[in-house]
Protein backbone atom coordinates (compact mmCIF):
# COMPACT_ATOMS: atom_id res chain seq x y z
CA UNK A 1 97.18 27.09 106.24
CA UNK A 2 100.33 29.33 106.17
CA UNK A 3 100.50 30.58 102.45
CA UNK A 4 98.58 31.01 99.31
CA UNK A 5 101.06 28.40 97.68
CA UNK A 6 100.48 25.88 100.41
CA UNK A 7 96.55 26.49 100.09
CA UNK A 8 97.01 25.96 96.07
CA UNK A 9 98.81 22.72 96.50
CA UNK A 10 96.14 21.56 99.25
CA UNK A 11 93.55 22.58 96.75
CA UNK A 12 95.16 21.01 93.59
CA UNK A 13 95.10 17.50 95.81
CA UNK A 14 91.32 18.10 96.66
CA UNK A 15 90.51 18.59 93.15
CA UNK A 16 92.21 15.23 92.18
CA UNK A 17 89.96 13.38 94.85
CA UNK A 18 86.99 15.00 93.78
CA UNK A 19 87.65 14.36 90.19
CA UNK A 20 88.35 10.50 90.91
CA UNK A 21 85.00 10.13 92.56
CA UNK A 22 83.15 11.86 89.42
CA UNK A 23 83.70 10.57 85.95
CA UNK A 24 81.88 13.67 84.30
CA UNK A 25 83.10 17.07 84.06
CA UNK A 26 83.68 19.06 87.37
CA UNK A 27 82.97 22.75 87.91
CA UNK A 28 84.49 23.98 91.06
CA UNK A 29 84.03 27.72 92.53
CA UNK A 30 86.69 29.23 94.54
CA UNK A 31 84.99 32.35 96.31
CA UNK A 32 85.62 34.95 98.81
CA UNK A 33 85.61 38.69 99.48
CA UNK A 34 87.82 40.78 97.65
CA UNK A 35 91.16 40.77 98.70
CA UNK A 36 91.18 37.43 100.40
CA UNK A 37 93.91 35.87 97.80
CA UNK A 38 91.64 33.96 95.44
CA UNK A 39 93.55 35.27 92.36
CA UNK A 40 96.89 34.55 94.00
CA UNK A 41 95.95 31.05 94.44
CA UNK A 42 94.41 30.64 91.05
CA UNK A 43 97.61 31.83 89.61
CA UNK A 44 99.67 29.24 91.77
CA UNK A 45 97.43 26.48 89.98
CA UNK A 46 97.84 27.96 86.42
CA UNK A 47 100.18 25.03 85.50
CA UNK A 48 98.06 22.39 87.06
CA UNK A 49 97.51 19.59 84.41
CA UNK A 50 93.99 19.13 83.50
CA UNK A 51 92.40 22.24 85.31
CA UNK A 52 91.04 25.26 83.25
CA UNK A 53 90.84 28.66 85.08
CA UNK A 54 88.28 30.97 84.75
CA UNK A 55 88.15 34.38 86.35
CA UNK A 56 84.59 35.62 86.94
CA UNK A 57 85.90 39.22 87.00
CA UNK A 58 86.24 39.16 83.17
CA UNK A 59 82.41 38.88 83.32
CA UNK A 60 81.66 41.98 85.27
CA UNK A 61 79.53 44.69 84.11
CA UNK A 62 81.13 48.01 83.46
CA UNK A 63 81.61 49.82 86.89
CA UNK A 64 79.33 52.68 85.79
CA UNK A 65 76.68 50.30 85.11
CA UNK A 66 77.01 48.54 88.55
CA UNK A 67 77.22 51.76 90.34
CA UNK A 68 74.15 53.07 88.84
CA UNK A 69 72.27 49.82 89.60
CA UNK A 70 73.52 50.01 93.27
CA UNK A 71 71.95 53.29 93.67
CA UNK A 72 68.47 52.35 92.17
CA UNK A 73 68.08 48.73 93.54
CA UNK A 74 66.70 47.84 96.70
CA UNK A 75 67.57 45.36 98.65
CA UNK A 76 71.46 45.87 97.87
CA UNK A 77 71.81 42.15 97.52
CA UNK A 78 69.60 42.08 94.36
CA UNK A 79 72.18 44.33 92.70
CA UNK A 80 74.91 41.85 93.45
CA UNK A 81 72.50 38.98 92.44
CA UNK A 82 71.19 40.42 89.13
CA UNK A 83 73.42 43.23 87.94
CA UNK A 84 77.00 42.57 88.81
CA UNK A 85 78.20 39.99 86.30
CA UNK A 86 77.25 39.27 82.61
CA UNK A 87 75.45 36.20 84.11
CA UNK A 88 74.31 34.79 80.46
CA UNK A 89 77.96 35.09 78.99
CA UNK A 90 79.40 33.32 82.21
CA UNK A 91 77.10 30.42 82.12
CA UNK A 92 77.40 30.01 78.66
CA UNK A 93 81.03 29.72 79.07
CA UNK A 94 80.66 27.05 81.65
CA UNK A 95 77.99 25.12 79.65
CA UNK A 96 80.67 24.66 76.99
CA UNK A 97 83.15 22.26 78.88
CA UNK A 98 83.86 18.93 77.74
CA UNK A 99 82.62 15.58 79.48
CA UNK A 100 86.32 15.06 81.38
CA UNK A 101 87.14 18.56 81.87
CA UNK A 102 88.06 20.34 85.11
CA UNK A 103 87.04 24.08 85.54
CA UNK A 104 88.09 26.32 88.43
CA UNK A 105 86.24 29.68 88.29
CA UNK A 106 87.01 32.23 90.96
CA UNK A 107 84.97 34.98 92.01
CA UNK A 108 82.43 36.41 94.35
CA UNK A 109 78.78 35.45 94.59
CA UNK A 110 79.28 32.50 92.39
CA UNK A 111 76.06 30.60 93.08
CA UNK A 112 73.99 33.85 92.59
CA UNK A 113 75.53 34.22 89.24
CA UNK A 114 75.75 30.59 87.87
CA UNK A 115 72.90 28.70 89.98
CA UNK A 116 73.40 25.31 90.25
CA UNK A 117 76.26 24.72 87.56
CA UNK A 118 79.08 24.63 90.21
CA UNK A 119 79.64 21.23 91.62
CA UNK A 120 81.90 22.02 94.62
CA UNK A 121 82.10 25.40 96.36
CA UNK A 122 85.23 26.52 97.87
CA UNK A 123 85.32 29.39 100.29
CA UNK A 124 88.21 31.39 101.30
CA UNK A 125 88.02 33.17 104.74
CA UNK A 126 90.42 35.94 105.68
CA UNK A 127 90.92 37.86 108.91
CA UNK A 128 89.12 41.15 108.61
CA UNK A 129 92.27 43.21 109.72
CA UNK A 130 94.29 41.63 106.94
CA UNK A 131 91.31 42.31 104.45
CA UNK A 132 91.33 46.02 105.49
CA UNK A 133 95.14 46.18 104.91
CA UNK A 134 94.74 44.73 101.52
CA UNK A 135 92.10 47.24 100.71
CA UNK A 136 93.94 50.03 102.24
CA UNK A 137 97.11 49.35 99.99
CA UNK A 138 94.89 49.04 96.84
CA UNK A 139 93.13 52.45 97.45
CA UNK A 140 96.13 54.55 97.82
CA UNK A 141 96.09 55.15 93.97
CA UNK A 142 92.72 56.85 94.04
CA UNK A 143 91.43 60.34 94.78
CA UNK A 144 89.48 61.18 97.99
CA UNK A 145 86.19 61.37 96.10
CA UNK A 146 86.75 58.11 94.39
CA UNK A 147 87.81 56.31 97.85
CA UNK A 148 84.66 57.59 99.17
CA UNK A 149 82.27 55.86 96.64
CA UNK A 150 84.73 52.74 96.79
CA UNK A 151 84.02 52.89 100.93
CA UNK A 152 80.55 52.87 100.02
CA UNK A 153 81.02 50.24 97.48
CA UNK A 154 82.97 47.91 99.81
CA UNK A 155 80.38 48.39 102.69
CA UNK A 156 77.86 47.33 100.33
CA UNK A 157 79.75 44.59 98.80
CA UNK A 158 80.48 43.12 102.38
CA UNK A 159 76.83 43.44 103.29
CA UNK A 160 75.76 41.42 100.13
CA UNK A 161 78.68 38.76 100.98
CA UNK A 162 77.23 38.02 104.45
CA UNK A 163 73.51 37.54 102.90
CA UNK A 164 75.13 35.26 100.30
CA UNK A 165 77.19 33.24 102.80
CA UNK A 166 74.06 32.83 104.89
CA UNK A 167 72.31 31.62 101.83
CA UNK A 168 75.02 29.37 100.43
CA UNK A 169 77.30 26.77 102.41
CA UNK A 170 80.35 25.52 100.62
CA UNK A 171 81.80 22.18 100.36
CA UNK A 172 84.97 23.47 101.97
CA UNK A 173 86.35 26.51 104.01
CA UNK A 174 89.95 27.48 103.72
CA UNK A 175 90.95 30.13 106.27
CA UNK A 176 94.06 32.10 105.49
CA UNK A 177 96.40 33.74 107.75
């Protein structure tokens, strides 16, 4: 697909197809690594009729809590599985949806966080060089010592993401260019 807007249009059509075949509520997870375009795609869908958008980042635990858990918990994937998000608050929010509602939640490690609540999983994949360019641009505002810890954090996050992707297969993969 060429742009995030194109992806959003395609995804909106796919959501309608999934909803037409399902009379109950529908929870769709839009996931991918940091910097792959999840938020941009979600923002393009903000005016889509009948879709409620949730950003899992609003349920992140404080950074100092996450970094402390990273330094103390082995294997690292357990940190992301157990200590990255306020799982109870997110699962509670998702459990409050109405019978006919469509929810699109964007984030990382969604199945680790929510278990089987998500009905459909859409994974965004991005070329590694594009991902690195995004992260480099994002990191320009930080000091060197902050960048060192962020570099470790990105490395550990990418490792956990590989493990997660091996464990959970999405209903659909969308490659961005």
